Amino acid sequence: MCSKGGRVRKVKIPGVRIKERYFKRTRRGKTPIKYTARGYASNNKVDEVVIYKDPALKKHPKLERAMMSHERTEIRLRSKGMLEPKAHKIAMSKEPKLIRHKSLKQLWKMLE
């Protein structure tokens, strides 16, 4: 499902280790980018994140950057102790115009 390895990026989120990995195959109809987080349950803080991306994003760097900015905003808020639904709502309000208010179907049309 996911390629082995991954690189650790130096992102300006203090105290959070971020790895990026690509899926082996394109998963049409599913979210092109997602993340899994590990952290402390007692204070809801995230300290380690793995971001999984679809290989179709390699051909569209602007779209990949826009989607990564959404994920980074959400991770930054979760690293400060905010709950996931509230962090996602705030990240959606700060999305770049390229992907703002786009459905999953519209995103896949942009990727093809």
Foldseek 3Di string as FASTA:
>chain_A
DWDPDFDWDDDPQPQATETETERPAADPPDDQKDKDFDDDPVQQATRYMYIYGYPLCVVPVVVVVQVVQLVVQLNSVSNVRDDNVVSNVVSLVVGDPVCRPDDSVRVVVVSD
